[in-house]
Amino acid sequence: MSHNTFGHLFRVTTWGESHGPAIGCVVDGCPPNIPLTEADLQPWLDRRKPGGSRFVTQRQESDTARILSGVFDDGDGPVTTGTPISILIDNEDQRSKDYGEIARAYRPGHADFTYQAKYGVRDPRGGGRSSARETAMRVAAGAVARKVLGDGIRIRAGVVQLGPHRIAPDAVDFDAVYDNALFAASAAVVPAWETYLDGVRKAGSSIGAVVALEVTGVPAGWGAPLYGKLDAELAAAMMSINAVKGVEIGAGFEAAELSGEENADQMRLGDDGQLIFLSNHAGGVLGGISTGQPLTARVAFKPTSSILTLRQTVTRDG
């Protein structure tokens, strides 16, 4: 299996399966002399780890990261050395026996059939390599990337739609995201959303969601035409996340409903002589290159396929 690496100058390779002994990643291309310890990774992993509420998987994992290489303490604290950074997280709550009865069945909505068709073998335990367990290593690598970017780049995201229930664009509040169990980008919707989701869970079903992303502090000039477009790279990264079925940059699909006059972000000079955009339908990217405006995107996740409702399928034996 190839294609386990993403990035060019800053490259991330992840490895491991849902119910294997461990998962891990290798970050290559990190500059030297950046202070880095496990304490820089753990707060982000703690936000992602399972078992935090009744609305997420109840698998119990501490997701404690260990940095195995790429850092050295020369007396002033550990810093990156410019060599590959290897990070490992032990899997602590494997329940392989839970999948014994479905080992030969193709679960609807899962990647069971496609992995079998492509490789002739698959790991049925929690989806193996196709499990969202892999995203823990993206979070660990992302924590390293945040150190490289510095405090001037601010990355925020939150759930703005749960099933048919949406947060109005002018009501999105990213500061509310970590104050509720749903990571909703508005405190006002949380009680109703929790009631709605409890009903979905009691019915043995699941529901999809949309996450909005905003990155501020990005200077003009990041990205490159034509096959290194910033928005194309972002879309590819987000589409590779398990269960993602759609990505919009800026106005996204709604741009198809706008006129040319409405969609084109007008410009003027500010009092300081610097260029100012009067809107941001482009989502901070034009021609694949950042404009200096906030980068904005929306990511659609399908409902989790692990549900209690019976669905028709076949087995490897037919």
Protein backbone atom coordinates (compact mmCIF):
# COMPACT_ATOMS: atom_id res chain seq x y z
CA MET A 1 0.00 0.00 0.00
CA SER A 2 1.49 3.30 -1.09
CA HIS A 3 0.17 6.86 -0.72
CA ASN A 4 0.56 7.10 3.04
CA THR A 5 2.50 10.36 2.79
CA PHE A 6 1.18 13.90 2.36
CA GLY A 7 3.11 17.08 1.66
CA HIS A 8 6.23 18.18 -0.16
CA LEU A 9 8.57 20.44 1.83
CA PHE A 10 6.84 19.41 5.07
CA ARG A 11 5.94 15.75 4.70
CA VAL A 12 3.85 13.55 6.97
CA THR A 13 3.70 9.77 6.76
CA THR A 14 1.30 7.88 9.00
CA TRP A 15 1.25 4.17 9.79
CA GLY A 16 -0.66 1.65 11.87
CA GLU A 17 -4.10 0.08 12.15
CA SER A 18 -7.06 0.60 14.46
CA HIS A 19 -6.45 -2.57 16.49
CA GLY A 20 -2.74 -3.01 15.98
CA PRO A 21 -0.27 -2.50 18.84
CA ALA A 22 0.34 1.15 17.99
CA ILE A 23 -0.10 3.94 15.47
CA GLY A 24 2.49 6.47 14.48
CA CYS A 25 3.78 9.08 12.08
CA VAL A 26 7.01 10.45 10.69
CA VAL A 27 7.30 14.18 10.07
CA ASP A 28 10.04 15.08 7.59
CA GLY A 29 11.03 18.60 6.60
CA CYS A 30 10.66 20.28 9.98
CA PRO A 31 13.25 23.05 10.39
CA PRO A 32 15.82 22.73 13.18
CA ASN A 33 15.98 24.59 16.49
CA ILE A 34 12.23 24.71 17.15
CA PRO A 35 11.41 23.89 20.79
CA LEU A 36 9.34 20.69 20.82
CA THR A 37 8.25 18.21 23.49
CA GLU A 38 5.33 15.84 23.98
CA ALA A 39 3.66 18.61 25.98
CA ASP A 40 3.28 20.55 22.72
CA LEU A 41 1.36 17.65 21.17
CA GLN A 42 -0.77 16.38 24.02
CA PRO A 43 -3.31 19.23 24.40
CA TRP A 44 -4.40 18.78 20.78
CA LEU A 45 -4.54 14.99 21.12
CA ASP A 46 -6.59 15.33 24.32
CA ARG A 47 -9.18 17.35 22.43
CA ARG A 48 -9.47 14.67 19.78
CA LYS A 49 -9.21 11.48 21.86
CA PRO A 50 -12.24 9.16 22.12
CA GLY A 51 -14.46 8.65 25.15
CA GLY A 52 -14.85 12.33 25.96
CA SER A 53 -18.65 12.39 25.79
CA ARG A 54 -21.66 10.23 24.96
CA PHE A 55 -21.63 11.62 21.42
CA VAL A 56 -18.31 10.06 20.37
CA THR A 57 -16.85 6.56 20.25
CA GLN A 58 -16.58 5.07 23.73
CA ARG A 59 -13.24 3.45 23.02
CA GLN A 60 -10.94 4.34 25.91
CA GLU A 61 -7.57 5.60 24.69
CA SER A 62 -5.23 8.01 26.48
CA ASP A 63 -3.57 8.86 23.14
CA THR A 64 -0.32 9.57 24.95
CA ALA A 65 2.28 10.56 22.37
CA ARG A 66 5.97 9.71 22.50
CA ILE A 67 8.55 11.48 20.35
CA LEU A 68 11.13 8.87 19.34
CA SER A 69 13.43 10.89 17.10
CA GLY A 70 14.15 14.26 15.56
CA VAL A 71 14.60 16.24 18.80
CA PHE A 72 17.61 16.78 21.05
CA ASP A 73 18.19 18.57 24.33
CA ASP A 74 21.50 20.40 24.15
CA GLY A 75 21.03 21.88 27.59
CA ASP A 76 18.40 24.52 26.91
CA GLY A 77 15.49 22.11 26.38
CA PRO A 78 14.54 19.76 23.52
CA VAL A 79 14.60 21.30 20.05
CA THR A 80 14.06 19.87 16.58
CA THR A 81 17.22 18.78 14.80
CA GLY A 82 15.97 19.05 11.22
CA THR A 83 15.88 15.26 10.91
CA PRO A 84 12.71 13.12 10.70
CA ILE A 85 10.49 13.34 13.77
CA SER A 86 8.94 10.00 14.68
CA ILE A 87 5.89 9.99 16.96
CA LEU A 88 4.21 6.91 18.43
CA ILE A 89 0.91 6.33 20.24
CA ASP A 90 0.17 2.94 21.80
CA ASN A 91 -3.27 1.45 21.19
CA GLU A 92 -4.63 0.59 24.64
CA ASP A 93 -8.23 -0.48 24.05
CA GLN A 94 -8.19 -2.97 21.19
CA ARG A 95 -11.26 -5.19 21.07
CA SER A 96 -10.46 -7.40 18.12
CA LYS A 97 -12.89 -10.11 19.23
CA ASP A 98 -15.77 -7.67 18.69
CA TYR A 99 -15.23 -8.08 14.95
CA GLY A 100 -15.01 -11.87 14.80
CA GLU A 101 -18.58 -12.40 13.59
CA ILE A 102 -18.29 -9.86 10.77
CA ALA A 103 -14.76 -10.65 9.61
CA ARG A 104 -16.03 -12.04 6.29
CA ALA A 105 -18.93 -9.62 5.80
CA TYR A 106 -18.76 -6.41 3.80
CA ARG A 107 -20.25 -3.73 6.03
CA PRO A 108 -22.33 -1.22 4.04
CA GLY A 109 -20.75 2.21 4.04
CA HIS A 110 -17.35 0.90 5.16
CA ALA A 111 -14.28 0.28 3.01
CA ASP A 112 -14.37 -3.49 3.56
CA PHE A 113 -15.22 -4.42 -0.03
CA THR A 114 -12.88 -1.94 -1.70
CA TYR A 115 -9.87 -2.95 0.42
CA GLN A 116 -10.58 -6.62 -0.34
CA ALA A 117 -11.02 -5.90 -4.04
CA LYS A 118 -7.78 -3.91 -4.27
CA TYR A 119 -5.41 -5.85 -2.00
CA GLY A 120 -6.95 -9.32 -1.74
CA VAL A 121 -6.66 -9.07 2.05
CA ARG A 122 -8.00 -6.71 4.70
CA ASP A 123 -7.89 -6.16 8.43
CA PRO A 124 -11.52 -6.30 9.61
CA ARG A 125 -10.74 -5.15 13.16
CA GLY A 126 -12.28 -1.70 13.36
CA GLY A 127 -11.57 -1.08 9.71
CA GLY A 128 -7.81 -1.56 10.07
CA ARG A 129 -6.00 1.10 8.09
CA SER A 130 -9.25 2.74 6.95
CA SER A 131 -10.25 3.52 10.55
CA ALA A 132 -10.53 7.10 11.77
CA ARG A 133 -8.05 6.03 14.45
CA GLU A 134 -5.42 7.16 11.94
CA THR A 135 -6.46 10.78 12.42
CA ALA A 136 -4.78 10.85 15.84
CA MET A 137 -1.45 10.95 14.02
CA ARG A 138 -2.63 13.79 11.80
CA VAL A 139 -3.35 15.71 14.98
CA ALA A 140 0.12 14.94 16.36
CA ALA A 141 1.78 16.00 13.10
CA GLY A 142 -0.47 19.06 12.98
CA ALA A 143 0.79 20.09 16.40
CA VAL A 144 4.32 20.04 15.00
CA ALA A 145 3.15 22.07 12.00
CA ARG A 146 1.65 24.67 14.35
CA LYS A 147 5.04 25.09 15.98
CA VAL A 148 6.59 25.67 12.56
CA LEU A 149 3.92 28.19 11.55
CA GLY A 150 4.20 30.13 14.80
CA ASP A 151 1.62 32.13 16.71
CA GLY A 152 0.97 34.52 13.82
CA ILE A 153 -1.10 31.88 12.01
CA ARG A 154 -4.39 31.13 13.74
CA ILE A 155 -6.33 28.01 12.76
CA ARG A 156 -9.89 27.58 13.99
CA ALA A 157 -12.67 25.16 13.11
CA GLY A 158 -16.03 24.00 14.42
CA VAL A 159 -19.22 22.15 13.55
CA VAL A 160 -21.64 24.47 11.75
CA GLN A 161 -24.20 21.91 10.62
CA LEU A 162 -25.56 18.72 12.20
CA GLY A 163 -27.87 16.85 9.88
CA PRO A 164 -30.39 19.44 8.62
CA HIS A 165 -29.64 21.89 11.44
CA ARG A 166 -27.39 24.79 10.43
CA ILE A 167 -25.72 27.70 12.15
CA ALA A 168 -26.20 30.93 10.22
CA PRO A 169 -22.90 32.25 8.83
CA ASP A 170 -23.16 35.46 10.83
CA ALA A 171 -23.74 33.46 14.04
CA VAL A 172 -20.60 31.29 13.79
CA ASP A 173 -18.48 31.68 16.94
CA PHE A 174 -15.27 29.66 16.89
CA ASP A 175 -14.54 30.69 20.46
CA ALA A 176 -17.47 28.49 21.59
CA VAL A 177 -16.13 25.30 19.99
CA TYR A 178 -14.18 23.89 22.93
CA ASP A 179 -16.84 24.76 25.48
CA ASN A 180 -19.32 22.09 24.38
CA ALA A 181 -19.26 18.34 23.72
CA LEU A 182 -20.36 18.73 20.10
CA PHE A 183 -17.62 21.20 19.11
CA ALA A 184 -20.43 23.39 17.81
CA ALA A 185 -19.45 26.86 16.63
CA SER A 186 -22.29 28.44 18.59
CA ALA A 187 -23.30 27.96 22.21
CA ALA A 188 -26.91 28.77 21.37
CA VAL A 189 -27.51 25.62 19.30
CA VAL A 190 -26.00 23.11 21.72
CA PRO A 191 -29.12 22.16 23.79
CA ALA A 192 -31.25 21.56 20.69
CA TRP A 193 -28.46 19.72 18.90
CA GLU A 194 -27.83 17.45 21.88
CA THR A 195 -31.52 16.55 22.06
CA TYR A 196 -31.58 15.88 18.32
CA LEU A 197 -28.46 13.73 18.43
CA ASP A 198 -29.70 11.76 21.44
CA GLY A 199 -32.73 10.85 19.37
CA VAL A 200 -30.58 9.72 16.47
CA ARG A 201 -28.48 7.58 18.80
CA LYS A 202 -31.51 5.99 20.48
CA ALA A 203 -32.80 5.04 17.05
CA GLY A 204 -29.55 3.14 16.44
CA SER A 205 -28.64 5.47 13.60
CA SER A 206 -26.15 8.24 12.84
CA ILE A 207 -26.07 11.59 11.08
CA GLY A 208 -23.59 13.66 9.09
CA ALA A 209 -22.13 17.08 9.81
CA VAL A 210 -20.32 20.03 8.27
CA VAL A 211 -17.21 21.60 9.77
CA ALA A 212 -16.15 25.16 8.95
CA LEU A 213 -12.48 26.13 8.90
CA GLU A 214 -10.86 29.56 9.13
CA VAL A 215 -7.15 30.35 9.00
CA THR A 216 -6.02 33.91 9.67
CA GLY A 217 -2.60 35.50 9.50
CA VAL A 218 -1.69 33.89 6.18
CA PRO A 219 0.32 36.35 4.06
CA ALA A 220 -0.33 36.90 0.38
CA GLY A 221 1.74 34.64 -1.86
CA TRP A 222 1.41 31.12 -0.43
CA GLY A 223 0.67 28.40 -2.98
CA ALA A 224 1.66 27.99 -6.62
CA PRO A 225 -0.06 27.46 -9.97
CA LEU A 226 -1.13 25.19 -11.44
CA TYR A 227 -0.67 21.85 -9.71
CA GLY A 228 0.51 23.28 -6.43
CA LYS A 229 -2.53 25.45 -5.77
CA LEU A 230 -3.01 26.22 -2.10
CA ASP A 231 -6.74 25.48 -2.24
CA ALA A 232 -6.14 22.24 -4.16
CA GLU A 233 -3.62 21.08 -1.56
CA LEU A 234 -5.99 21.98 1.28
CA ALA A 235 -8.89 20.22 -0.43
CA ALA A 236 -6.79 17.09 -0.99
CA ALA A 237 -5.71 17.02 2.64
CA MET A 238 -9.26 17.41 3.91
CA MET A 239 -10.76 14.95 1.43
CA SER A 240 -8.29 12.32 2.67
CA ILE A 241 -9.82 12.46 6.15
CA ASN A 242 -12.02 9.42 6.79
CA ALA A 243 -15.73 10.01 6.07
CA VAL A 244 -15.23 13.35 4.27
CA LYS A 245 -17.40 13.53 1.15
CA GLY A 246 -17.11 17.16 0.14
CA VAL A 247 -14.96 20.28 0.50
CA GLU A 248 -15.82 23.87 -0.31
CA ILE A 249 -13.34 26.75 -0.47
CA GLY A 250 -14.79 30.20 0.16
CA ALA A 251 -18.28 30.51 -1.29
CA GLY A 252 -17.86 26.99 -2.68
CA PHE A 253 -20.88 25.59 -4.49
CA GLU A 254 -22.87 28.70 -3.65
CA ALA A 255 -20.59 30.58 -6.06
CA ALA A 256 -22.50 28.88 -8.88
CA GLU A 257 -25.57 30.91 -7.87
CA LEU A 258 -23.75 34.24 -7.80
CA SER A 259 -23.36 36.67 -10.66
CA GLY A 260 -19.92 37.72 -11.78
CA GLU A 261 -20.41 41.06 -10.05
CA GLU A 262 -21.43 39.41 -6.79
CA ASN A 263 -18.68 36.80 -6.76
CA ALA A 264 -15.73 39.05 -7.64
CA ASP A 265 -14.21 40.40 -4.42
CA GLN A 266 -13.75 44.13 -4.96
CA MET A 267 -10.63 45.91 -3.70
CA ARG A 268 -9.58 49.36 -2.54
CA LEU A 269 -6.64 50.96 -0.80
CA GLY A 270 -6.78 51.50 2.96
CA ASP A 271 -5.66 54.60 4.76
CA ASP A 272 -2.23 53.02 5.13
CA GLY A 273 -1.96 52.43 1.41
CA GLN A 274 -2.41 48.67 1.74
CA LEU A 275 -4.84 46.71 -0.42
CA ILE A 276 -8.18 45.82 1.20
CA PHE A 277 -10.71 43.28 -0.10
CA LEU A 278 -14.35 44.24 0.39
CA SER A 279 -15.56 40.61 0.57
CA ASN A 280 -14.10 37.10 0.62
CA HIS A 281 -16.06 34.86 -1.70
CA ALA A 282 -12.71 33.45 -2.91
CA GLY A 283 -11.97 32.08 0.55
CA GLY A 284 -8.57 33.75 0.67
CA VAL A 285 -7.23 32.11 -2.51
CA LEU A 286 -7.07 33.39 -6.10
CA GLY A 287 -5.32 31.44 -8.84
CA GLY A 288 -4.18 28.96 -6.22
CA ILE A 289 -2.26 31.66 -4.33
CA SER A 290 -3.23 33.17 -0.97
CA THR A 291 -4.56 36.73 -1.03
CA GLY A 292 -3.77 37.60 2.58
CA GLN A 293 -7.44 37.30 3.54
CA PRO A 294 -8.62 34.54 5.88
CA LEU A 295 -8.57 31.08 4.32
CA THR A 296 -12.08 29.65 4.66
CA ALA A 297 -13.39 26.19 3.89
CA ARG A 298 -16.28 23.88 4.73
CA VAL A 299 -15.92 20.11 5.03
CA ALA A 300 -18.86 17.70 4.81
CA PHE A 301 -18.74 14.41 6.74
CA LYS A 302 -21.03 11.50 5.95
CA PRO A 303 -22.88 9.73 8.80
CA THR A 304 -20.73 7.14 10.54
CA SER A 305 -21.37 3.73 9.00
CA SER A 306 -21.15 1.91 12.34
CA ILE A 307 -24.85 1.81 13.22
CA LEU A 308 -27.17 -0.62 15.01
CA THR A 309 -29.77 -0.78 12.25
CA LEU A 310 -29.58 -3.91 10.11
CA ARG A 311 -28.56 -3.34 6.48
CA GLN A 312 -28.42 -5.79 3.58
CA THR A 313 -24.99 -6.99 2.45
CA VAL A 314 -22.98 -10.00 1.30
CA THR A 315 -19.93 -11.86 2.60
CA ARG A 316 -16.66 -12.79 0.92
CA ASP A 317 -18.23 -16.16 0.26
CA GLY A 318 -21.24 -14.59 -1.43
